[in-house]
Amino acid sequence: MLFGYKMFKLRQKICDIGNRLWMMSMLPAGDGNISVRLDNNRYLITPSGISKGFLEPGQILLIDGSGKVLDGKGTPSSEIIMHLVAYRLRGDVNAVVHAHPPYATSFSCTNNTLPDNLISEGIIKVGKIPTAPFAIPSSKDTAEAVAPYFRQYNAVLLKNHGAVSLGKDLDDAFLKMELVEHISKIAILTNLIDNLQQIPEDKMKELLELARKFNT
């Protein structure tokens, strides 16, 4: 079980990542949420309605698998159900980041599919990034819409909403979100340039094999 200093460090880590995402314009106002799994029935999660750029460790809430607050004051993130669904479906996932990165969110507002064959790093480190159907934010509909994608993907765009990334730890989930935004930016910018060239199909097979080794 986690007590004292180790619990504090995880809370502090959530605050640090929240600040980094805010500084990168991925979490405007009080948007977005971050969580981490402690064990089979306990999680740390950001509070609702507070800017993630200015969080303090004492504001991070400890909850159980039903969403009940075990420690801390305030209300857990309104997207709590989506986070708990990710943990329930994926035993390898120990952290979830939901943000509103502008390029990725812009892409989610179109009918286009985010290409998965533009840059090698995207293929290796995050894989295909699908777009889940639109659902009313902060409702169980969002969790239901994205659940099928959580089973096989590590990052998902939320239609007309934002993005969510799943990681083995907080750093991994953050880096995946950063890469989702980077890929989205490249995808949008390449549409402004003629003669777009994607990675050849035979090289894609090699990269996918490398990705399997990287993520094992």
C-alpha atoms as a PDB file:
ATOM      1  CA  MET A   1       0.000   0.000   0.000  1.00  0.00           C
ATOM      2  CA  LEU A   2       1.110   3.563  -0.622  1.00  0.00           C
ATOM      3  CA  PHE A   3       1.391   6.000   2.234  1.00  0.00           C
ATOM      4  CA  GLY A   4       3.127   9.205   3.193  1.00  0.00           C
ATOM      5  CA  TYR A   5       6.000  10.334   1.026  1.00  0.00           C
ATOM      6  CA  LYS A   6       5.325   8.045  -1.958  1.00  0.00           C
ATOM      7  CA  MET A   7       1.684   9.139  -2.130  1.00  0.00           C
ATOM      8  CA  PHE A   8       2.754  12.782  -1.931  1.00  0.00           C
ATOM      9  CA  LYS A   9       5.252  12.301  -4.784  1.00  0.00           C
ATOM     10  CA  LEU A  10       2.553  10.848  -7.040  1.00  0.00           C
ATOM     11  CA  ARG A  11       0.240  13.740  -6.240  1.00  0.00           C
ATOM     12  CA  GLN A  12       3.069  16.129  -6.996  1.00  0.00           C
ATOM     13  CA  LYS A  13       3.762  14.321 -10.282  1.00  0.00           C
ATOM     14  CA  ILE A  14       0.148  14.813 -11.365  1.00  0.00           C
ATOM     15  CA  CYS A  15       0.488  18.527 -10.594  1.00  0.00           C
ATOM     16  CA  ASP A  16       3.735  18.763 -12.566  1.00  0.00           C
ATOM     17  CA  ILE A  17       2.199  17.079 -15.614  1.00  0.00           C
ATOM     18  CA  GLY A  18      -0.892  19.264 -15.336  1.00  0.00           C
ATOM     19  CA  ASN A  19       1.317  22.349 -15.359  1.00  0.00           C
ATOM     20  CA  ARG A  20       3.303  21.099 -18.355  1.00  0.00           C
ATOM     21  CA  LEU A  21       0.124  20.412 -20.330  1.00  0.00           C
ATOM     22  CA  TRP A  22      -1.256  23.832 -19.370  1.00  0.00           C
ATOM     23  CA  MET A  23       1.991  25.508 -20.462  1.00  0.00           C
ATOM     24  CA  MET A  24       1.661  23.702 -23.803  1.00  0.00           C
ATOM     25  CA  SER A  25      -1.896  25.073 -24.243  1.00  0.00           C
ATOM     26  CA  MET A  26      -3.403  21.582 -23.973  1.00  0.00           C
ATOM     27  CA  LEU A  27      -5.446  22.304 -20.843  1.00  0.00           C
ATOM     28  CA  PRO A  28      -7.108  25.739 -21.026  1.00  0.00           C
ATOM     29  CA  ALA A  29      -9.273  27.045 -18.193  1.00  0.00           C
ATOM     30  CA  GLY A  30     -10.281  24.135 -15.923  1.00  0.00           C
ATOM     31  CA  ASP A  31     -10.373  21.589 -18.753  1.00  0.00           C
ATOM     32  CA  GLY A  32      -8.918  18.090 -18.785  1.00  0.00           C
ATOM     33  CA  ASN A  33      -8.119  15.517 -16.126  1.00  0.00           C
ATOM     34  CA  ILE A  34      -5.274  13.266 -15.036  1.00  0.00           C
ATOM     35  CA  SER A  35      -5.330  10.085 -12.960  1.00  0.00           C
ATOM     36  CA  VAL A  36      -3.041   7.289 -11.789  1.00  0.00           C
ATOM     37  CA  ARG A  37      -3.764   3.775 -10.507  1.00  0.00           C
ATOM     38  CA  LEU A  38      -2.399   2.964  -7.057  1.00  0.00           C
ATOM     39  CA  ASP A  39      -3.704  -0.591  -6.722  1.00  0.00           C
ATOM     40  CA  ASN A  40      -6.746  -2.628  -7.749  1.00  0.00           C
ATOM     41  CA  ASN A  41      -9.249  -0.316  -6.079  1.00  0.00           C
ATOM     42  CA  ARG A  42      -7.563   3.037  -5.408  1.00  0.00           C
ATOM     43  CA  TYR A  43      -6.716   5.897  -7.725  1.00  0.00           C
ATOM     44  CA  LEU A  44      -5.521   9.484  -7.599  1.00  0.00           C
ATOM     45  CA  ILE A  45      -7.381  11.951  -9.823  1.00  0.00           C
ATOM     46  CA  THR A  46      -7.513  15.687 -10.421  1.00  0.00           C
ATOM     47  CA  PRO A  47     -10.446  17.684  -9.017  1.00  0.00           C
ATOM     48  CA  SER A  48     -13.184  19.123 -11.194  1.00  0.00           C
ATOM     49  CA  GLY A  49     -13.260  22.746 -12.341  1.00  0.00           C
ATOM     50  CA  ILE A  50      -9.731  23.744 -11.285  1.00  0.00           C
ATOM     51  CA  SER A  51      -7.005  24.860 -13.699  1.00  0.00           C
ATOM     52  CA  LYS A  52      -4.465  22.076 -14.071  1.00  0.00           C
ATOM     53  CA  GLY A  53      -1.745  24.701 -14.428  1.00  0.00           C
ATOM     54  CA  PHE A  54      -1.937  25.681 -10.773  1.00  0.00           C
ATOM     55  CA  LEU A  55      -2.739  22.490  -8.896  1.00  0.00           C
ATOM     56  CA  GLU A  56      -1.175  21.678  -5.543  1.00  0.00           C
ATOM     57  CA  PRO A  57      -0.606  18.116  -4.250  1.00  0.00           C
ATOM     58  CA  GLY A  58      -3.207  18.538  -1.499  1.00  0.00           C
ATOM     59  CA  GLN A  59      -5.892  19.119  -4.140  1.00  0.00           C
ATOM     60  CA  ILE A  60      -5.414  15.724  -5.798  1.00  0.00           C
ATOM     61  CA  LEU A  61      -8.157  13.338  -4.664  1.00  0.00           C
ATOM     62  CA  LEU A  62      -7.876   9.718  -3.599  1.00  0.00           C
ATOM     63  CA  ILE A  63     -10.849   7.670  -4.827  1.00  0.00           C
ATOM     64  CA  ASP A  64     -11.928   4.044  -4.937  1.00  0.00           C
ATOM     65  CA  GLY A  65     -13.154   1.999  -7.888  1.00  0.00           C
ATOM     66  CA  SER A  66     -16.678   3.337  -7.525  1.00  0.00           C
ATOM     67  CA  GLY A  67     -15.521   6.959  -7.606  1.00  0.00           C
ATOM     68  CA  LYS A  68     -16.020   7.556  -3.879  1.00  0.00           C
ATOM     69  CA  VAL A  69     -13.601  10.095  -2.393  1.00  0.00           C
ATOM     70  CA  LEU A  70     -11.401   8.457   0.245  1.00  0.00           C
ATOM     71  CA  ASP A  71      -9.150  11.433   0.909  1.00  0.00           C
ATOM     72  CA  GLY A  72      -9.200  15.087  -0.069  1.00  0.00           C
ATOM     73  CA  LYS A  73     -11.726  17.872  -0.471  1.00  0.00           C
ATOM     74  CA  GLY A  74     -13.652  18.662  -3.618  1.00  0.00           C
ATOM     75  CA  THR A  75     -15.299  16.779  -6.440  1.00  0.00           C
ATOM     76  CA  PRO A  76     -13.396  14.333  -8.669  1.00  0.00           C
ATOM     77  CA  SER A  77     -13.065  15.108 -12.348  1.00  0.00           C
ATOM     78  CA  SER A  78     -16.353  14.947 -14.209  1.00  0.00           C
ATOM     79  CA  GLU A  79     -14.748  12.424 -16.587  1.00  0.00           C
ATOM     80  CA  ILE A  80     -14.107   9.982 -13.751  1.00  0.00           C
ATOM     81  CA  ILE A  81     -16.139   7.195 -15.381  1.00  0.00           C
ATOM     82  CA  MET A  82     -13.954   7.277 -18.497  1.00  0.00           C
ATOM     83  CA  HIS A  83     -10.813   6.882 -16.387  1.00  0.00           C
ATOM     84  CA  LEU A  84     -12.239   3.981 -14.378  1.00  0.00           C
ATOM     85  CA  VAL A  85     -13.355   2.214 -17.557  1.00  0.00           C
ATOM     86  CA  ALA A  86      -9.799   2.425 -18.920  1.00  0.00           C
ATOM     87  CA  TYR A  87      -8.394   0.840 -15.765  1.00  0.00           C
ATOM     88  CA  ARG A  88     -11.051  -1.854 -15.723  1.00  0.00           C
ATOM     89  CA  LEU A  89     -10.426  -2.836 -19.353  1.00  0.00           C
ATOM     90  CA  ARG A  90      -6.636  -2.617 -19.363  1.00  0.00           C
ATOM     91  CA  GLY A  91      -4.512  -4.161 -16.629  1.00  0.00           C
ATOM     92  CA  ASP A  92      -1.408  -2.699 -18.277  1.00  0.00           C
ATOM     93  CA  VAL A  93      -2.706   0.869 -17.949  1.00  0.00           C
ATOM     94  CA  ASN A  94      -1.717   2.723 -14.782  1.00  0.00           C
ATOM     95  CA  ALA A  95      -2.267   6.342 -15.841  1.00  0.00           C
ATOM     96  CA  VAL A  96      -4.776   8.265 -17.952  1.00  0.00           C
ATOM     97  CA  VAL A  97      -4.474  11.777 -19.385  1.00  0.00           C
ATOM     98  CA  HIS A  98      -7.426  13.585 -20.954  1.00  0.00           C
ATOM     99  CA  ALA A  99      -6.618  16.923 -22.560  1.00  0.00           C
ATOM    100  CA  HIS A 100      -7.825  19.376 -25.193  1.00  0.00           C
ATOM    101  CA  PRO A 101      -4.710  19.836 -27.374  1.00  0.00           C
ATOM    102  CA  PRO A 102      -5.622  22.350 -30.114  1.00  0.00           C
ATOM    103  CA  TYR A 103      -4.275  20.518 -33.180  1.00  0.00           C
ATOM    104  CA  ALA A 104      -5.626  17.122 -32.118  1.00  0.00           C
ATOM    105  CA  THR A 105      -8.954  18.655 -31.122  1.00  0.00           C
ATOM    106  CA  SER A 106      -9.128  20.489 -34.450  1.00  0.00           C
ATOM    107  CA  PHE A 107      -8.570  17.190 -36.222  1.00  0.00           C
ATOM    108  CA  SER A 108     -11.348  15.590 -34.160  1.00  0.00           C
ATOM    109  CA  CYS A 109     -13.707  18.265 -35.478  1.00  0.00           C
ATOM    110  CA  THR A 110     -13.289  17.008 -39.049  1.00  0.00           C
ATOM    111  CA  ASN A 111     -14.366  13.847 -40.855  1.00  0.00           C
ATOM    112  CA  ASN A 112     -10.746  12.908 -41.514  1.00  0.00           C
ATOM    113  CA  THR A 113      -8.918   9.996 -39.906  1.00  0.00           C
ATOM    114  CA  LEU A 114      -5.594  10.879 -38.324  1.00  0.00           C
ATOM    115  CA  PRO A 115      -2.910   9.226 -40.526  1.00  0.00           C
ATOM    116  CA  ASP A 116      -0.812   6.566 -38.824  1.00  0.00           C
ATOM    117  CA  ASN A 117       1.935   6.494 -41.461  1.00  0.00           C
ATOM    118  CA  LEU A 118       3.465   9.967 -41.352  1.00  0.00           C
ATOM    119  CA  ILE A 119       6.314   9.640 -38.829  1.00  0.00           C
ATOM    120  CA  SER A 120       8.143   6.603 -37.473  1.00  0.00           C
ATOM    121  CA  GLU A 121       7.989   7.747 -33.852  1.00  0.00           C
ATOM    122  CA  GLY A 122       4.214   7.814 -33.951  1.00  0.00           C
ATOM    123  CA  ILE A 123       4.010   4.241 -35.207  1.00  0.00           C
ATOM    124  CA  ILE A 124       6.499   2.940 -32.650  1.00  0.00           C
ATOM    125  CA  LYS A 125       5.499   4.867 -29.539  1.00  0.00           C
ATOM    126  CA  VAL A 126       1.739   5.299 -29.769  1.00  0.00           C
ATOM    127  CA  GLY A 127       0.362   3.407 -32.782  1.00  0.00           C
ATOM    128  CA  LYS A 128      -2.905   4.088 -34.580  1.00  0.00           C
ATOM    129  CA  ILE A 129      -4.997   6.919 -33.110  1.00  0.00           C
ATOM    130  CA  PRO A 130      -8.704   6.465 -33.959  1.00  0.00           C
ATOM    131  CA  THR A 131     -11.532   8.919 -33.327  1.00  0.00           C
ATOM    132  CA  ALA A 132     -14.360   7.837 -31.027  1.00  0.00           C
ATOM    133  CA  PRO A 133     -17.931   8.958 -31.836  1.00  0.00           C
ATOM    134  CA  PHE A 134     -19.247  12.191 -30.374  1.00  0.00           C
ATOM    135  CA  ALA A 135     -20.666  12.009 -26.860  1.00  0.00           C
ATOM    136  CA  ILE A 136     -21.780  14.645 -24.374  1.00  0.00           C
ATOM    137  CA  PRO A 137     -18.710  15.549 -22.285  1.00  0.00           C
ATOM    138  CA  SER A 138     -18.692  14.690 -18.579  1.00  0.00           C
ATOM    139  CA  SER A 139     -21.330  11.997 -18.992  1.00  0.00           C
ATOM    140  CA  LYS A 140     -21.318   8.203 -19.027  1.00  0.00           C
ATOM    141  CA  ASP A 141     -21.893   8.501 -22.784  1.00  0.00           C
ATOM    142  CA  THR A 142     -18.256   9.528 -23.216  1.00  0.00           C
ATOM    143  CA  ALA A 143     -17.041   6.417 -21.395  1.00  0.00           C
ATOM    144  CA  GLU A 144     -19.356   4.194 -23.444  1.00  0.00           C
ATOM    145  CA  ALA A 145     -18.243   5.803 -26.722  1.00  0.00           C
ATOM    146  CA  VAL A 146     -14.539   5.395 -26.043  1.00  0.00           C
ATOM    147  CA  ALA A 147     -14.537   2.017 -24.233  1.00  0.00           C
ATOM    148  CA  PRO A 148     -14.299  -0.142 -27.390  1.00  0.00           C
ATOM    149  CA  TYR A 149     -11.219   1.821 -28.465  1.00  0.00           C
ATOM    150  CA  PHE A 150      -9.515   1.505 -25.085  1.00  0.00           C
ATOM    151  CA  ARG A 151      -9.339  -2.266 -25.573  1.00  0.00           C
ATOM    152  CA  GLN A 152      -6.756  -1.999 -28.364  1.00  0.00           C
ATOM    153  CA  TYR A 153      -5.474   1.570 -28.684  1.00  0.00           C
ATOM    154  CA  ASN A 154      -3.238   3.678 -26.440  1.00  0.00           C
ATOM    155  CA  ALA A 155      -4.570   7.046 -27.581  1.00  0.00           C
ATOM    156  CA  VAL A 156      -7.963   8.115 -28.892  1.00  0.00           C
ATOM    157  CA  LEU A 157      -9.368  11.359 -30.253  1.00  0.00           C
ATOM    158  CA  LEU A 158     -12.776  12.280 -28.843  1.00  0.00           C
ATOM    159  CA  LYS A 159     -15.023  13.639 -31.582  1.00  0.00           C
ATOM    160  CA  ASN A 160     -15.382  17.456 -31.277  1.00  0.00           C
ATOM    161  CA  HIS A 161     -13.919  17.252 -27.790  1.00  0.00           C
ATOM    162  CA  GLY A 162     -10.234  16.420 -27.285  1.00  0.00           C
ATOM    163  CA  ALA A 163      -7.984  13.421 -26.761  1.00  0.00           C
ATOM    164  CA  VAL A 164      -7.175  10.769 -24.170  1.00  0.00           C
ATOM    165  CA  SER A 165      -3.972   8.772 -23.728  1.00  0.00           C
ATOM    166  CA  LEU A 166      -3.285   5.625 -21.716  1.00  0.00           C
ATOM    167  CA  GLY A 167       0.107   4.818 -20.234  1.00  0.00           C
ATOM    168  CA  LYS A 168       2.005   2.369 -18.078  1.00  0.00           C
ATOM    169  CA  ASP A 169       2.716   5.318 -15.763  1.00  0.00           C
ATOM    170  CA  LEU A 170       2.167   9.078 -15.634  1.00  0.00           C
ATOM    171  CA  ASP A 171       5.213   9.937 -17.733  1.00  0.00           C
ATOM    172  CA  ASP A 172       4.187   7.449 -20.421  1.00  0.00           C
ATOM    173  CA  ALA A 173       0.622   8.786 -20.607  1.00  0.00           C
ATOM    174  CA  PHE A 174       1.919  12.364 -20.816  1.00  0.00           C
ATOM    175  CA  LEU A 175       4.425  11.559 -23.562  1.00  0.00           C
ATOM    176  CA  LYS A 176       1.733   9.804 -25.585  1.00  0.00           C
ATOM    177  CA  MET A 177      -0.496  12.879 -25.322  1.00  0.00           C
ATOM    178  CA  GLU A 178       2.400  15.073 -26.412  1.00  0.00           C
ATOM    179  CA  LEU A 179       2.978  12.803 -29.406  1.00  0.00           C
ATOM    180  CA  VAL A 180      -0.732  12.783 -30.321  1.00  0.00           C
ATOM    181  CA  GLU A 181      -0.590  16.577 -30.583  1.00  0.00           C
ATOM    182  CA  HIS A 182       2.683  16.460 -32.537  1.00  0.00           C
ATOM    183  CA  ILE A 183       1.275  13.975 -35.066  1.00  0.00           C
ATOM    184  CA  SER A 184      -1.924  16.008 -35.404  1.00  0.00           C
ATOM    185  CA  LYS A 185       0.061  19.172 -36.048  1.00  0.00           C
ATOM    186  CA  ILE A 186       2.131  17.458 -38.732  1.00  0.00           C
ATOM    187  CA  ALA A 187      -1.011  16.008 -40.326  1.00  0.00           C
ATOM    188  CA  ILE A 188      -2.639  19.435 -40.515  1.00  0.00           C
ATOM    189  CA  LEU A 189       0.487  21.199 -41.800  1.00  0.00           C
ATOM    190  CA  THR A 190       1.178  18.580 -44.472  1.00  0.00           C
ATOM    191  CA  ASN A 191      -2.274  19.231 -45.884  1.00  0.00           C
ATOM    192  CA  LEU A 192      -1.010  22.727 -46.701  1.00  0.00           C
ATOM    193  CA  ILE A 193       1.930  21.353 -48.683  1.00  0.00           C
ATOM    194  CA  ASP A 194       1.815  19.617 -52.065  1.00  0.00           C
ATOM    195  CA  ASN A 195       3.456  16.248 -52.790  1.00  0.00           C
ATOM    196  CA  LEU A 196       2.738  14.655 -49.416  1.00  0.00           C
ATOM    197  CA  GLN A 197       4.666  11.383 -49.095  1.00  0.00           C
ATOM    198  CA  GLN A 198       3.668   8.773 -46.527  1.00  0.00           C
ATOM    199  CA  ILE A 199       5.888   5.973 -45.232  1.00  0.00           C
ATOM    200  CA  PRO A 200       6.007   3.111 -47.807  1.00  0.00           C
ATOM    201  CA  GLU A 201       3.907   0.065 -46.959  1.00  0.00           C
ATOM    202  CA  ASP A 202       6.871  -2.326 -46.776  1.00  0.00           C
ATOM    203  CA  LYS A 203       8.624  -0.022 -44.310  1.00  0.00           C
ATOM    204  CA  MET A 204       5.404   0.238 -42.300  1.00  0.00           C
ATOM    205  CA  LYS A 205       5.595  -3.521 -41.678  1.00  0.00           C
ATOM    206  CA  GLU A 206       9.128  -3.154 -40.310  1.00  0.00           C
ATOM    207  CA  LEU A 207       8.082  -0.259 -38.089  1.00  0.00           C
ATOM    208  CA  LEU A 208       5.087  -2.179 -36.726  1.00  0.00           C
ATOM    209  CA  GLU A 209       7.388  -5.050 -35.793  1.00  0.00           C
ATOM    210  CA  LEU A 210       9.716  -2.576 -34.091  1.00  0.00           C
ATOM    211  CA  ALA A 211       6.704  -1.120 -32.273  1.00  0.00           C
ATOM    212  CA  ARG A 212       5.797  -4.568 -30.914  1.00  0.00           C
ATOM    213  CA  LYS A 213       9.307  -4.971 -29.525  1.00  0.00           C
ATOM    214  CA  PHE A 214       9.315  -1.431 -28.113  1.00  0.00           C
ATOM    215  CA  ASN A 215       6.035  -1.964 -26.261  1.00  0.00           C
ATOM    216  CA  THR A 216       6.739  -5.468 -24.943  1.00  0.00           C
END
